[in-house]
Amino acid sequence: MINLDRKNFYLLVIFILMIFSFTIFLNISLIKEIEEDYKELIVQKQELYLFQKQIQEFESFKNKDGIYGSCLENIDKLFINKETPIEFIKFLEEKSQELGVLIKITPATISPRDNDLWENLGFQINLTGSFPRCIAFLEKVQLSKWLSDVEKLSINRISEKDIEMHKLENFLEGDVFFSVKLKVCIEEKNK
């Protein structure tokens, strides 16, 4: 009998150890599952937060639609009309008259660059006058409402021979011929 009791005892201990190890194994796997679910929950909360933030930004944008609309209208004024750049040409002529410089405007070819954001139109502007006034003209063009960039600039001093040859009665020796190749951004074609 003692042998049987011992055998039963060993079986009982083995059985308890098996149940204990099975319970530990189940707990470890459950803990890992809970940990993975927790990490997924954190990721979903972050995504929800970002989504709610985007919704708030969109609502804020919608509420400021009038402000952005007026800004967009002002941006449109930065570009000249490709077919009829009359307003820009009038501006150039008015500024040359204000500064007392002689102006000649002709179309110019502008080579597009890879980094150009917009299409461009080229103008060759030839000025005759004093150096400070020609520089002032260029500054007024650069500070105007249109997006423009100087592509090429050359300055030559007027000689006595030039005054006689070109009949430049109102100019003095020492004044300059100022040649500017100007690149001006134009409106998009699909407007």
Protein backbone atom coordinates (compact mmCIF):
# COMPACT_ATOMS: atom_id res chain seq x y z
CA MET A 1 0.00 0.00 0.00
CA ILE A 2 2.78 2.25 0.74
CA ASN A 3 4.02 1.70 -2.69
CA LEU A 4 0.71 2.63 -4.16
CA ASP A 5 0.49 5.77 -2.03
CA ARG A 6 3.91 6.77 -3.14
CA LYS A 7 3.04 6.18 -6.72
CA ASN A 8 -0.12 8.23 -6.36
CA PHE A 9 1.84 10.94 -4.65
CA TYR A 10 4.35 11.11 -7.48
CA LEU A 11 1.56 11.16 -10.00
CA LEU A 12 -0.16 13.92 -8.11
CA VAL A 13 3.08 15.97 -7.93
CA ILE A 14 3.69 15.44 -11.65
CA PHE A 15 0.12 16.38 -12.40
CA ILE A 16 0.37 19.55 -10.26
CA LEU A 17 3.68 20.48 -11.90
CA MET A 18 2.12 20.02 -15.35
CA ILE A 19 -0.86 22.18 -14.44
CA PHE A 20 1.45 24.77 -12.91
CA SER A 21 3.73 24.91 -15.98
CA PHE A 22 0.71 24.99 -18.31
CA THR A 23 -0.72 27.89 -16.27
CA ILE A 24 2.59 29.73 -16.45
CA PHE A 25 2.81 29.15 -20.21
CA LEU A 26 -0.77 30.43 -20.66
CA ASN A 27 -0.06 33.48 -18.54
CA ILE A 28 3.11 34.32 -20.50
CA SER A 29 1.28 34.04 -23.82
CA LEU A 30 -1.64 36.08 -22.45
CA ILE A 31 0.75 38.75 -21.16
CA LYS A 32 2.44 38.96 -24.58
CA GLU A 33 -0.94 39.25 -26.29
CA ILE A 34 -2.03 41.96 -23.86
CA GLU A 35 1.24 43.81 -24.46
CA GLU A 36 0.78 43.66 -28.25
CA ASP A 37 -2.83 44.84 -27.92
CA TYR A 38 -1.67 47.69 -25.69
CA LYS A 39 0.93 48.80 -28.25
CA GLU A 40 -1.67 48.68 -31.00
CA LEU A 41 -4.05 50.71 -28.85
CA ILE A 42 -1.35 53.38 -28.35
CA VAL A 43 -0.72 53.55 -32.12
CA GLN A 44 -4.46 53.88 -32.79
CA LYS A 45 -4.77 56.64 -30.17
CA GLN A 46 -1.90 58.53 -31.84
CA GLU A 47 -3.53 58.15 -35.26
CA LEU A 48 -6.85 59.32 -33.83
CA TYR A 49 -5.14 62.35 -32.27
CA LEU A 50 -3.45 63.25 -35.58
CA PHE A 51 -6.71 62.79 -37.46
CA GLN A 52 -8.59 65.02 -35.00
CA LYS A 53 -5.84 67.63 -35.32
CA GLN A 54 -6.18 67.55 -39.13
CA ILE A 55 -9.94 68.01 -38.78
CA GLN A 56 -9.37 71.04 -36.51
CA GLU A 57 -6.88 72.54 -38.98
CA PHE A 58 -9.32 72.00 -41.83
CA GLU A 59 -12.12 73.65 -39.84
CA SER A 60 -9.80 76.55 -39.04
CA PHE A 61 -8.91 76.84 -42.74
CA LYS A 62 -12.60 76.79 -43.67
CA ASN A 63 -13.34 79.55 -41.17
CA LYS A 64 -10.56 81.70 -42.65
CA ASP A 65 -11.63 81.11 -46.26
CA GLY A 66 -12.27 84.81 -46.85
CA ILE A 67 -8.78 85.73 -45.69
CA TYR A 68 -7.16 83.11 -47.91
CA GLY A 69 -9.35 84.10 -50.85
CA SER A 70 -8.14 87.69 -50.72
CA CYS A 71 -4.54 86.46 -50.41
CA LEU A 72 -5.01 84.28 -53.48
CA GLU A 73 -6.37 87.27 -55.39
CA ASN A 74 -3.28 89.27 -54.39
CA ILE A 75 -1.05 86.41 -55.53
CA ASP A 76 -2.74 86.49 -58.95
CA LYS A 77 -1.69 90.13 -59.27
CA LEU A 78 1.98 89.10 -59.11
CA PHE A 79 1.81 87.72 -62.65
CA ILE A 80 1.48 89.52 -65.97
CA ASN A 81 -0.87 88.53 -68.75
CA LYS A 82 1.13 86.76 -71.47
CA GLU A 83 -1.10 87.86 -74.37
CA THR A 84 -1.44 91.49 -73.30
CA PRO A 85 1.23 92.68 -70.85
CA ILE A 86 0.01 96.25 -71.35
CA GLU A 87 -0.26 97.11 -67.64
CA PHE A 88 3.35 96.04 -67.06
CA ILE A 89 4.64 97.97 -70.09
CA LYS A 90 2.72 101.08 -68.98
CA PHE A 91 4.32 100.72 -65.56
CA LEU A 92 7.80 100.60 -67.13
CA GLU A 93 7.08 103.66 -69.28
CA GLU A 94 5.65 105.64 -66.34
CA LYS A 95 8.65 104.89 -64.12
CA SER A 96 11.09 105.88 -66.87
CA GLN A 97 9.25 109.19 -67.34
CA GLU A 98 9.22 109.84 -63.58
CA LEU A 99 12.98 109.32 -63.44
CA GLY A 100 13.77 111.16 -66.69
CA VAL A 101 15.36 108.22 -68.51
CA LEU A 102 14.80 107.29 -72.14
CA ILE A 103 13.36 103.78 -72.50
CA LYS A 104 13.00 101.27 -75.31
CA ILE A 105 11.19 97.98 -74.62
CA THR A 106 11.38 94.95 -76.90
CA PRO A 107 10.47 91.28 -76.42
CA ALA A 108 13.33 88.99 -75.44
CA THR A 109 13.78 85.24 -75.46
CA ILE A 110 14.18 83.70 -72.03
CA SER A 111 15.52 80.16 -71.74
CA PRO A 112 13.48 78.19 -69.21
CA ARG A 113 15.37 76.66 -66.31
CA ASP A 114 14.63 73.44 -64.48
CA ASN A 115 14.12 75.28 -61.20
CA ASP A 116 11.63 77.84 -62.61
CA LEU A 117 8.33 77.57 -60.75
CA TRP A 118 6.31 79.53 -63.33
CA GLU A 119 6.37 80.30 -67.01
CA ASN A 120 8.18 83.49 -67.93
CA LEU A 121 8.08 86.25 -70.48
CA GLY A 122 11.21 88.15 -71.45
CA PHE A 123 11.70 91.87 -72.03
CA GLN A 124 14.79 93.67 -73.29
CA ILE A 125 14.76 97.11 -71.69
CA ASN A 126 17.24 99.68 -72.94
CA LEU A 127 17.57 102.83 -70.85
CA THR A 128 19.53 105.97 -71.49
CA GLY A 129 20.17 108.38 -68.65
CA SER A 130 22.26 109.05 -65.58
CA PHE A 131 23.57 106.02 -63.74
CA PRO A 132 21.73 106.77 -60.44
CA ARG A 133 18.42 107.22 -62.27
CA CYS A 134 18.85 103.99 -64.23
CA ILE A 135 19.61 102.13 -60.98
CA ALA A 136 16.55 103.76 -59.37
CA PHE A 137 14.45 102.53 -62.32
CA LEU A 138 15.74 99.00 -61.84
CA GLU A 139 14.96 99.16 -58.10
CA LYS A 140 11.40 100.30 -58.82
CA VAL A 141 10.93 97.37 -61.19
CA GLN A 142 12.32 94.93 -58.63
CA LEU A 143 10.06 96.37 -55.90
CA SER A 144 6.96 96.41 -58.11
CA LYS A 145 4.03 94.07 -57.56
CA TRP A 146 5.15 91.72 -60.37
CA LEU A 147 7.49 88.78 -59.94
CA SER A 148 10.53 89.59 -62.01
CA ASP A 149 14.20 88.75 -62.20
CA VAL A 150 17.14 90.36 -64.00
CA GLU A 151 18.62 87.83 -66.42
CA LYS A 152 21.33 90.01 -67.90
CA LEU A 153 22.55 93.54 -67.27
CA SER A 154 25.04 95.63 -69.17
CA ILE A 155 26.05 99.25 -68.69
CA ASN A 156 27.99 101.38 -71.17
CA ARG A 157 29.07 104.94 -70.71
CA ILE A 158 27.82 107.47 -73.28
CA SER A 159 30.64 109.17 -75.13
CA GLU A 160 30.57 112.49 -76.97
CA LYS A 161 30.50 110.52 -80.21
CA ASP A 162 27.39 108.61 -79.02
CA ILE A 163 25.63 111.88 -78.18
CA GLU A 164 26.21 113.19 -81.71
CA MET A 165 25.56 109.86 -83.46
CA HIS A 166 22.32 109.00 -81.62
CA LYS A 167 21.18 112.62 -81.34
CA LEU A 168 20.97 112.44 -77.55
CA GLU A 169 20.48 116.16 -76.98
CA ASN A 170 19.23 115.94 -73.39
CA PHE A 171 22.07 113.71 -72.21
CA LEU A 172 25.59 114.44 -71.12
CA GLU A 173 28.87 112.68 -71.59
CA GLY A 174 29.11 110.30 -68.62
CA ASP A 175 25.46 109.26 -68.74
CA VAL A 176 24.92 105.57 -69.50
CA PHE A 177 23.27 103.13 -71.86
CA PHE A 178 21.68 100.65 -69.50
CA SER A 179 20.56 97.32 -71.00
CA VAL A 180 18.48 94.92 -68.92
CA LYS A 181 17.11 91.54 -69.92
CA LEU A 182 14.17 91.03 -67.59
CA LYS A 183 12.31 87.80 -66.87
CA VAL A 184 8.73 88.30 -65.65
CA CYS A 185 6.41 85.53 -64.42
CA ILE A 186 3.19 85.07 -66.38
CA GLU A 187 -0.25 83.73 -65.56
CA GLU A 188 -0.86 80.04 -66.08
CA LYS A 189 -2.34 78.98 -69.41
CA ASN A 190 -5.20 76.96 -67.94
CA LYS A 191 -6.88 79.91 -66.18
